[in-house]
Amino acid sequence: MATSIRKNPVKVPAPPAPRRRLSPAERERQIVEGSVRFFSEHGLDGQLRDLARELGITHTLLYHYFPTKQALIERVYADLFAARWDEEWERLLDDKTLEVEVKLTRFYTKYAKRILERDWVRVFVFSGLSDRYITDRYFALLGEKLFPRLVRESRRYLGVPNRSKPTPREMELLMGLHGSIFYMGLRRWVYGLEQPGSKTDPFDEVFVHDRVRGYLQTLPEVFGHGAKPRAAGRTPRRALA
């Protein structure tokens, strides 16, 4: 008796969905976002041909939007660095109703959470190892918008007049504070080290406050001549919220 063999119907794969044509604005955004990821992995010396390949576009199309590599790096700086500066931070540091320890802790907590994410930190480090275009511009921004305010608030903390230029020692201590905040991101995104207790929030206010308090405790020694905080005593934890 013959046995019929039932054949399974051949499944014809569905044709791929047609790729949507990106508008010029969407394509430019795709290139910029892809460039940030690329530079954060390969550094600012990465080749644009390799970037185009990773983006899935032609080298010619990449140059249509950014005729030079410098033009692309300038756009990365504008989007990744300059655009992240929040003018609300300036208003916070200018608020005369807040104690200095409170406002510095609030500022650096907000700053770390917004600034110190993976691509920002890694591109910044790679720029410092390359032509320093991004790092130079960013430090110029800090020199205009942040450091003078930190100098003023540090002197206010001690009741010292803010009339003279900061001394080298004063600036070195201040840069130590700023650098200690940046190191929190460096340790996480470059060295791959987790901060203890940082699984949910790597830039917890407690860690920031420790750094701010250490900075403020050293200020009297830098200024000398009996300089001391206007109001001694530990700032309550709840006052920082």
C-alpha atoms as a PDB file:
ATOM      1  CA  MET A   1       0.000   0.000   0.000  1.00  0.00           C
ATOM      2  CA  ALA A   2       1.500   3.293  -1.072  1.00  0.00           C
ATOM      3  CA  THR A   3       1.978   5.854   1.622  1.00  0.00           C
ATOM      4  CA  SER A   4       1.570   9.456   0.603  1.00  0.00           C
ATOM      5  CA  ILE A   5       4.145  11.853   1.975  1.00  0.00           C
ATOM      6  CA  ARG A   6       2.707  15.127   3.093  1.00  0.00           C
ATOM      7  CA  LYS A   7       5.042  17.946   2.274  1.00  0.00           C
ATOM      8  CA  ASN A   8       5.255  20.991   4.459  1.00  0.00           C
ATOM      9  CA  PRO A   9       4.398  24.121   2.559  1.00  0.00           C
ATOM     10  CA  VAL A  10       7.426  26.167   1.700  1.00  0.00           C
ATOM     11  CA  LYS A  11       7.475  29.402   3.658  1.00  0.00           C
ATOM     12  CA  VAL A  12       8.367  32.299   1.473  1.00  0.00           C
ATOM     13  CA  PRO A  13      10.067  34.979   3.544  1.00  0.00           C
ATOM     14  CA  ALA A  14       8.260  38.263   3.569  1.00  0.00           C
ATOM     15  CA  PRO A  15      10.022  40.975   1.650  1.00  0.00           C
ATOM     16  CA  PRO A  16      11.929  43.382   3.881  1.00  0.00           C
ATOM     17  CA  ALA A  17      10.079  46.515   4.773  1.00  0.00           C
ATOM     18  CA  PRO A  18      11.208  49.402   2.631  1.00  0.00           C
ATOM     19  CA  ARG A  19      13.655  51.664   4.438  1.00  0.00           C
ATOM     20  CA  ARG A  20      12.188  55.038   5.252  1.00  0.00           C
ATOM     21  CA  ARG A  21      14.069  57.845   3.661  1.00  0.00           C
ATOM     22  CA  LEU A  22      15.406  60.147   6.339  1.00  0.00           C
ATOM     23  CA  SER A  23      14.884  63.868   6.090  1.00  0.00           C
ATOM     24  CA  PRO A  24      18.059  65.995   6.030  1.00  0.00           C
ATOM     25  CA  ALA A  25      17.497  66.966   9.661  1.00  0.00           C
ATOM     26  CA  GLU A  26      17.021  63.344  10.716  1.00  0.00           C
ATOM     27  CA  ARG A  27      20.096  62.240   8.790  1.00  0.00           C
ATOM     28  CA  GLU A  28      22.197  64.951  10.365  1.00  0.00           C
ATOM     29  CA  ARG A  29      20.974  63.943  13.819  1.00  0.00           C
ATOM     30  CA  GLN A  30      21.803  60.310  13.042  1.00  0.00           C
ATOM     31  CA  ILE A  31      25.329  61.289  12.057  1.00  0.00           C
ATOM     32  CA  VAL A  32      25.914  63.437  15.148  1.00  0.00           C
ATOM     33  CA  GLU A  33      24.593  60.829  17.582  1.00  0.00           C
ATOM     34  CA  GLY A  34      26.551  58.093  15.825  1.00  0.00           C
ATOM     35  CA  SER A  35      29.681  60.239  15.916  1.00  0.00           C
ATOM     36  CA  VAL A  36      29.365  60.688  19.677  1.00  0.00           C
ATOM     37  CA  ARG A  37      29.216  56.919  20.144  1.00  0.00           C
ATOM     38  CA  PHE A  38      32.065  56.377  17.675  1.00  0.00           C
ATOM     39  CA  PHE A  39      34.392  58.945  19.251  1.00  0.00           C
ATOM     40  CA  SER A  40      33.603  57.664  22.749  1.00  0.00           C
ATOM     41  CA  GLU A  41      34.854  54.234  21.646  1.00  0.00           C
ATOM     42  CA  HIS A  42      37.689  55.046  19.237  1.00  0.00           C
ATOM     43  CA  GLY A  43      38.788  58.522  20.274  1.00  0.00           C
ATOM     44  CA  LEU A  44      38.894  61.768  18.335  1.00  0.00           C
ATOM     45  CA  ASP A  45      41.589  60.327  16.054  1.00  0.00           C
ATOM     46  CA  GLY A  46      39.155  57.738  14.667  1.00  0.00           C
ATOM     47  CA  GLN A  47      38.891  57.751  10.871  1.00  0.00           C
ATOM     48  CA  LEU A  48      35.762  59.149   9.232  1.00  0.00           C
ATOM     49  CA  ARG A  49      35.675  56.264   6.733  1.00  0.00           C
ATOM     50  CA  ASP A  50      35.283  53.914   9.685  1.00  0.00           C
ATOM     51  CA  LEU A  51      32.613  56.187  11.141  1.00  0.00           C
ATOM     52  CA  ALA A  52      30.665  56.154   7.854  1.00  0.00           C
ATOM     53  CA  ARG A  53      30.892  52.370   7.756  1.00  0.00           C
ATOM     54  CA  GLU A  54      29.507  52.073  11.281  1.00  0.00           C
ATOM     55  CA  LEU A  55      26.694  54.464  10.413  1.00  0.00           C
ATOM     56  CA  GLY A  56      25.851  52.486   7.276  1.00  0.00           C
ATOM     57  CA  ILE A  57      26.281  55.463   4.989  1.00  0.00           C
ATOM     58  CA  THR A  58      28.774  56.408   2.322  1.00  0.00           C
ATOM     59  CA  HIS A  59      31.823  58.501   2.998  1.00  0.00           C
ATOM     60  CA  THR A  60      30.518  60.974   0.420  1.00  0.00           C
ATOM     61  CA  LEU A  61      27.214  61.377   2.252  1.00  0.00           C
ATOM     62  CA  LEU A  62      29.021  62.013   5.530  1.00  0.00           C
ATOM     63  CA  TYR A  63      31.068  64.769   3.912  1.00  0.00           C
ATOM     64  CA  HIS A  64      27.907  66.252   2.427  1.00  0.00           C
ATOM     65  CA  TYR A  65      26.745  67.082   5.955  1.00  0.00           C
ATOM     66  CA  PHE A  66      30.144  67.734   7.528  1.00  0.00           C
ATOM     67  CA  PRO A  67      32.739  68.789   4.929  1.00  0.00           C
ATOM     68  CA  THR A  68      35.596  68.487   7.434  1.00  0.00           C
ATOM     69  CA  LYS A  69      36.302  66.420  10.501  1.00  0.00           C
ATOM     70  CA  GLN A  70      36.760  69.613  12.488  1.00  0.00           C
ATOM     71  CA  ALA A  71      33.220  70.696  11.566  1.00  0.00           C
ATOM     72  CA  LEU A  72      31.911  67.409  12.935  1.00  0.00           C
ATOM     73  CA  ILE A  73      33.924  67.719  16.159  1.00  0.00           C
ATOM     74  CA  GLU A  74      32.629  71.267  16.632  1.00  0.00           C
ATOM     75  CA  ARG A  75      29.082  69.959  16.326  1.00  0.00           C
ATOM     76  CA  VAL A  76      29.798  67.192  18.822  1.00  0.00           C
ATOM     77  CA  TYR A  77      31.098  69.824  21.250  1.00  0.00           C
ATOM     78  CA  ALA A  78      27.998  71.981  20.760  1.00  0.00           C
ATOM     79  CA  ASP A  79      25.575  69.102  21.324  1.00  0.00           C
ATOM     80  CA  LEU A  80      27.370  66.997  23.910  1.00  0.00           C
ATOM     81  CA  PHE A  81      29.101  69.686  25.976  1.00  0.00           C
ATOM     82  CA  ALA A  82      27.890  73.267  25.527  1.00  0.00           C
ATOM     83  CA  ALA A  83      24.206  72.327  25.276  1.00  0.00           C
ATOM     84  CA  ARG A  84      24.304  70.478  28.593  1.00  0.00           C
ATOM     85  CA  TRP A  85      25.229  73.525  30.607  1.00  0.00           C
ATOM     86  CA  ASP A  86      22.143  74.552  32.574  1.00  0.00           C
ATOM     87  CA  GLU A  87      21.665  78.242  33.359  1.00  0.00           C
ATOM     88  CA  GLU A  88      19.675  77.165  36.405  1.00  0.00           C
ATOM     89  CA  TRP A  89      23.011  76.177  37.946  1.00  0.00           C
ATOM     90  CA  GLU A  90      24.169  79.781  37.710  1.00  0.00           C
ATOM     91  CA  ARG A  91      21.014  80.983  39.455  1.00  0.00           C
ATOM     92  CA  LEU A  92      21.545  78.367  42.160  1.00  0.00           C
ATOM     93  CA  LEU A  93      25.123  79.515  42.802  1.00  0.00           C
ATOM     94  CA  ASP A  94      23.983  83.162  42.812  1.00  0.00           C
ATOM     95  CA  ASP A  95      21.259  82.526  45.408  1.00  0.00           C
ATOM     96  CA  LYS A  96      22.298  84.555  48.459  1.00  0.00           C
ATOM     97  CA  THR A  97      19.729  82.878  50.706  1.00  0.00           C
ATOM     98  CA  LEU A  98      21.531  79.519  50.697  1.00  0.00           C
ATOM     99  CA  GLU A  99      24.513  78.577  52.826  1.00  0.00           C
ATOM    100  CA  VAL A 100      27.656  77.983  50.784  1.00  0.00           C
ATOM    101  CA  GLU A 101      28.019  74.338  51.792  1.00  0.00           C
ATOM    102  CA  VAL A 102      24.426  73.634  50.782  1.00  0.00           C
ATOM    103  CA  LYS A 103      24.582  75.352  47.425  1.00  0.00           C
ATOM    104  CA  LEU A 104      27.910  73.805  46.395  1.00  0.00           C
ATOM    105  CA  THR A 105      26.592  70.360  47.277  1.00  0.00           C
ATOM    106  CA  ARG A 106      23.355  70.918  45.386  1.00  0.00           C
ATOM    107  CA  PHE A 107      25.180  72.296  42.381  1.00  0.00           C
ATOM    108  CA  TYR A 108      27.719  69.505  42.076  1.00  0.00           C
ATOM    109  CA  THR A 109      25.079  66.831  42.622  1.00  0.00           C
ATOM    110  CA  LYS A 110      23.002  68.239  39.755  1.00  0.00           C
ATOM    111  CA  TYR A 111      26.114  68.797  37.644  1.00  0.00           C
ATOM    112  CA  ALA A 112      27.389  65.240  38.080  1.00  0.00           C
ATOM    113  CA  LYS A 113      24.042  63.652  37.276  1.00  0.00           C
ATOM    114  CA  ARG A 114      23.660  65.649  34.060  1.00  0.00           C
ATOM    115  CA  ILE A 115      27.239  65.853  32.835  1.00  0.00           C
ATOM    116  CA  LEU A 116      29.093  62.733  33.890  1.00  0.00           C
ATOM    117  CA  GLU A 117      27.488  60.142  31.645  1.00  0.00           C
ATOM    118  CA  ARG A 118      29.451  57.637  29.602  1.00  0.00           C
ATOM    119  CA  ASP A 119      29.911  59.364  26.240  1.00  0.00           C
ATOM    120  CA  TRP A 120      30.605  62.772  27.810  1.00  0.00           C
ATOM    121  CA  VAL A 121      33.378  61.483  30.041  1.00  0.00           C
ATOM    122  CA  ARG A 122      35.037  59.304  27.413  1.00  0.00           C
ATOM    123  CA  VAL A 123      34.961  61.923  24.634  1.00  0.00           C
ATOM    124  CA  PHE A 124      36.348  64.502  27.062  1.00  0.00           C
ATOM    125  CA  VAL A 125      39.250  62.222  28.013  1.00  0.00           C
ATOM    126  CA  PHE A 126      39.971  61.316  24.390  1.00  0.00           C
ATOM    127  CA  SER A 127      40.000  65.012  23.457  1.00  0.00           C
ATOM    128  CA  GLY A 128      42.561  65.701  26.173  1.00  0.00           C
ATOM    129  CA  LEU A 129      44.755  62.999  24.643  1.00  0.00           C
ATOM    130  CA  SER A 130      44.284  64.392  21.132  1.00  0.00           C
ATOM    131  CA  ASP A 131      44.182  68.029  20.017  1.00  0.00           C
ATOM    132  CA  ARG A 132      42.412  69.269  23.198  1.00  0.00           C
ATOM    133  CA  TYR A 133      39.916  71.275  21.140  1.00  0.00           C
ATOM    134  CA  ILE A 134      36.944  70.103  23.199  1.00  0.00           C
ATOM    135  CA  THR A 135      38.701  70.270  26.561  1.00  0.00           C
ATOM    136  CA  ASP A 136      40.053  73.775  25.886  1.00  0.00           C
ATOM    137  CA  ARG A 137      36.620  75.080  24.908  1.00  0.00           C
ATOM    138  CA  TYR A 138      34.923  73.463  27.852  1.00  0.00           C
ATOM    139  CA  PHE A 139      37.417  74.814  30.371  1.00  0.00           C
ATOM    140  CA  ALA A 140      36.913  78.251  28.795  1.00  0.00           C
ATOM    141  CA  LEU A 141      33.181  77.848  29.468  1.00  0.00           C
ATOM    142  CA  LEU A 142      33.886  76.865  33.079  1.00  0.00           C
ATOM    143  CA  GLY A 143      36.251  79.797  33.410  1.00  0.00           C
ATOM    144  CA  GLU A 144      33.451  82.133  32.394  1.00  0.00           C
ATOM    145  CA  LYS A 145      30.388  80.608  34.068  1.00  0.00           C
ATOM    146  CA  LEU A 146      31.566  78.472  36.986  1.00  0.00           C
ATOM    147  CA  PHE A 147      34.992  79.116  38.473  1.00  0.00           C
ATOM    148  CA  PRO A 148      34.451  82.831  39.278  1.00  0.00           C
ATOM    149  CA  ARG A 149      31.274  81.873  41.130  1.00  0.00           C
ATOM    150  CA  LEU A 150      33.075  79.165  43.087  1.00  0.00           C
ATOM    151  CA  VAL A 151      35.817  81.646  44.044  1.00  0.00           C
ATOM    152  CA  ARG A 152      33.200  84.168  45.175  1.00  0.00           C
ATOM    153  CA  GLU A 153      31.278  81.598  47.216  1.00  0.00           C
ATOM    154  CA  SER A 154      34.450  80.222  48.796  1.00  0.00           C
ATOM    155  CA  ARG A 155      35.402  83.687  49.969  1.00  0.00           C
ATOM    156  CA  ARG A 156      31.869  84.316  51.140  1.00  0.00           C
ATOM    157  CA  TYR A 157      32.129  81.152  53.236  1.00  0.00           C
ATOM    158  CA  LEU A 158      35.113  82.685  55.054  1.00  0.00           C
ATOM    159  CA  GLY A 159      33.840  86.263  55.038  1.00  0.00           C
ATOM    160  CA  VAL A 160      36.776  87.301  52.847  1.00  0.00           C
ATOM    161  CA  PRO A 161      36.280  90.222  50.401  1.00  0.00           C
ATOM    162  CA  ASN A 162      36.037  89.159  46.784  1.00  0.00           C
ATOM    163  CA  ARG A 163      38.081  91.968  45.293  1.00  0.00           C
ATOM    164  CA  SER A 164      41.401  90.439  44.258  1.00  0.00           C
ATOM    165  CA  LYS A 165      42.226  87.751  41.743  1.00  0.00           C
ATOM    166  CA  PRO A 166      42.397  84.246  43.188  1.00  0.00           C
ATOM    167  CA  THR A 167      45.866  83.112  44.159  1.00  0.00           C
ATOM    168  CA  PRO A 168      47.438  80.044  42.521  1.00  0.00           C
ATOM    169  CA  ARG A 169      46.950  78.105  45.753  1.00  0.00           C
ATOM    170  CA  GLU A 170      43.308  79.143  45.915  1.00  0.00           C
ATOM    171  CA  MET A 171      42.705  77.997  42.345  1.00  0.00           C
ATOM    172  CA  GLU A 172      44.591  74.744  42.872  1.00  0.00           C
ATOM    173  CA  LEU A 173      42.356  73.845  45.790  1.00  0.00           C
ATOM    174  CA  LEU A 174      39.260  74.747  43.805  1.00  0.00           C
ATOM    175  CA  MET A 175      40.399  72.644  40.849  1.00  0.00           C
ATOM    176  CA  GLY A 176      40.966  69.808  43.297  1.00  0.00           C
ATOM    177  CA  LEU A 177      37.292  69.974  44.263  1.00  0.00           C
ATOM    178  CA  HIS A 178      36.149  70.076  40.647  1.00  0.00           C
ATOM    179  CA  GLY A 179      38.537  67.298  39.701  1.00  0.00           C
ATOM    180  CA  SER A 180      37.297  65.074  42.521  1.00  0.00           C
ATOM    181  CA  ILE A 181      33.766  65.330  41.132  1.00  0.00           C
ATOM    182  CA  PHE A 182      34.975  64.525  37.622  1.00  0.00           C
ATOM    183  CA  TYR A 183      36.879  61.527  38.970  1.00  0.00           C
ATOM    184  CA  MET A 184      33.569  59.972  40.003  1.00  0.00           C
ATOM    185  CA  GLY A 185      32.688  59.736  36.311  1.00  0.00           C
ATOM    186  CA  LEU A 186      36.225  58.825  35.249  1.00  0.00           C
ATOM    187  CA  ARG A 187      36.343  55.888  37.623  1.00  0.00           C
ATOM    188  CA  ARG A 188      33.016  54.591  36.345  1.00  0.00           C
ATOM    189  CA  TRP A 189      33.282  55.135  32.579  1.00  0.00           C
ATOM    190  CA  VAL A 190      37.031  54.837  31.938  1.00  0.00           C
ATOM    191  CA  TYR A 191      38.358  52.525  34.651  1.00  0.00           C
ATOM    192  CA  GLY A 192      35.150  50.487  34.870  1.00  0.00           C
ATOM    193  CA  LEU A 193      35.085  50.616  38.667  1.00  0.00           C
ATOM    194  CA  GLU A 194      31.803  50.802  40.530  1.00  0.00           C
ATOM    195  CA  GLN A 195      31.530  53.137  43.485  1.00  0.00           C
ATOM    196  CA  PRO A 196      30.456  51.368  46.701  1.00  0.00           C
ATOM    197  CA  GLY A 197      26.707  51.636  47.127  1.00  0.00           C
ATOM    198  CA  SER A 198      26.312  53.254  43.711  1.00  0.00           C
ATOM    199  CA  LYS A 199      24.183  50.675  41.902  1.00  0.00           C
ATOM    200  CA  THR A 200      21.146  52.931  41.872  1.00  0.00           C
ATOM    201  CA  ASP A 201      22.813  56.340  41.947  1.00  0.00           C
ATOM    202  CA  PRO A 202      26.552  56.590  41.233  1.00  0.00           C
ATOM    203  CA  PHE A 203      26.523  60.307  42.041  1.00  0.00           C
ATOM    204  CA  ASP A 204      24.720  60.221  45.347  1.00  0.00           C
ATOM    205  CA  GLU A 205      24.529  63.527  47.203  1.00  0.00           C
ATOM    206  CA  VAL A 206      26.309  62.010  50.215  1.00  0.00           C
ATOM    207  CA  PHE A 207      29.468  61.365  48.178  1.00  0.00           C
ATOM    208  CA  VAL A 208      29.335  64.870  46.700  1.00  0.00           C
ATOM    209  CA  HIS A 209      28.818  66.441  50.116  1.00  0.00           C
ATOM    210  CA  ASP A 210      31.886  64.670  51.493  1.00  0.00           C
ATOM    211  CA  ARG A 211      34.023  66.270  48.788  1.00  0.00           C
ATOM    212  CA  VAL A 212      32.518  69.720  49.241  1.00  0.00           C
ATOM    213  CA  ARG A 213      32.976  69.590  53.000  1.00  0.00           C
ATOM    214  CA  GLY A 214      36.590  68.487  52.664  1.00  0.00           C
ATOM    215  CA  TYR A 215      37.216  71.424  50.330  1.00  0.00           C
ATOM    216  CA  LEU A 216      35.604  73.956  52.652  1.00  0.00           C
ATOM    217  CA  GLN A 217      37.501  72.660  55.687  1.00  0.00           C
ATOM    218  CA  THR A 218      40.793  73.315  53.897  1.00  0.00           C
ATOM    219  CA  LEU A 219      39.957  76.897  52.873  1.00  0.00           C
ATOM    220  CA  PRO A 220      41.008  78.586  56.143  1.00  0.00           C
ATOM    221  CA  GLU A 221      44.518  77.183  55.798  1.00  0.00           C
ATOM    222  CA  VAL A 222      44.792  78.536  52.247  1.00  0.00           C
ATOM    223  CA  PHE A 223      43.732  82.041  53.251  1.00  0.00           C
ATOM    224  CA  GLY A 224      45.436  82.110  56.653  1.00  0.00           C
ATOM    225  CA  HIS A 225      45.393  85.191  58.889  1.00  0.00           C
ATOM    226  CA  GLY A 226      42.747  83.711  61.121  1.00  0.00           C
ATOM    227  CA  ALA A 227      40.212  83.204  58.348  1.00  0.00           C
ATOM    228  CA  LYS A 228      37.422  80.907  59.454  1.00  0.00           C
ATOM    229  CA  PRO A 229      33.911  79.988  58.318  1.00  0.00           C
ATOM    230  CA  ARG A 230      31.193  82.447  59.209  1.00  0.00           C
ATOM    231  CA  ALA A 231      29.028  79.712  60.704  1.00  0.00           C
ATOM    232  CA  ALA A 232      30.842  76.646  62.013  1.00  0.00           C
ATOM    233  CA  GLY A 233      29.086  73.338  62.448  1.00  0.00           C
ATOM    234  CA  ARG A 234      27.938  70.469  60.317  1.00  0.00           C
ATOM    235  CA  THR A 235      25.203  71.108  57.775  1.00  0.00           C
ATOM    236  CA  PRO A 236      22.265  68.785  58.507  1.00  0.00           C
ATOM    237  CA  ARG A 237      21.697  66.155  55.842  1.00  0.00           C
ATOM    238  CA  ARG A 238      18.096  67.280  55.343  1.00  0.00           C
ATOM    239  CA  ALA A 239      19.247  70.822  54.545  1.00  0.00           C
ATOM    240  CA  LEU A 240      20.960  69.592  51.409  1.00  0.00           C
ATOM    241  CA  ALA A 241      17.805  68.186  49.821  1.00  0.00           C
END
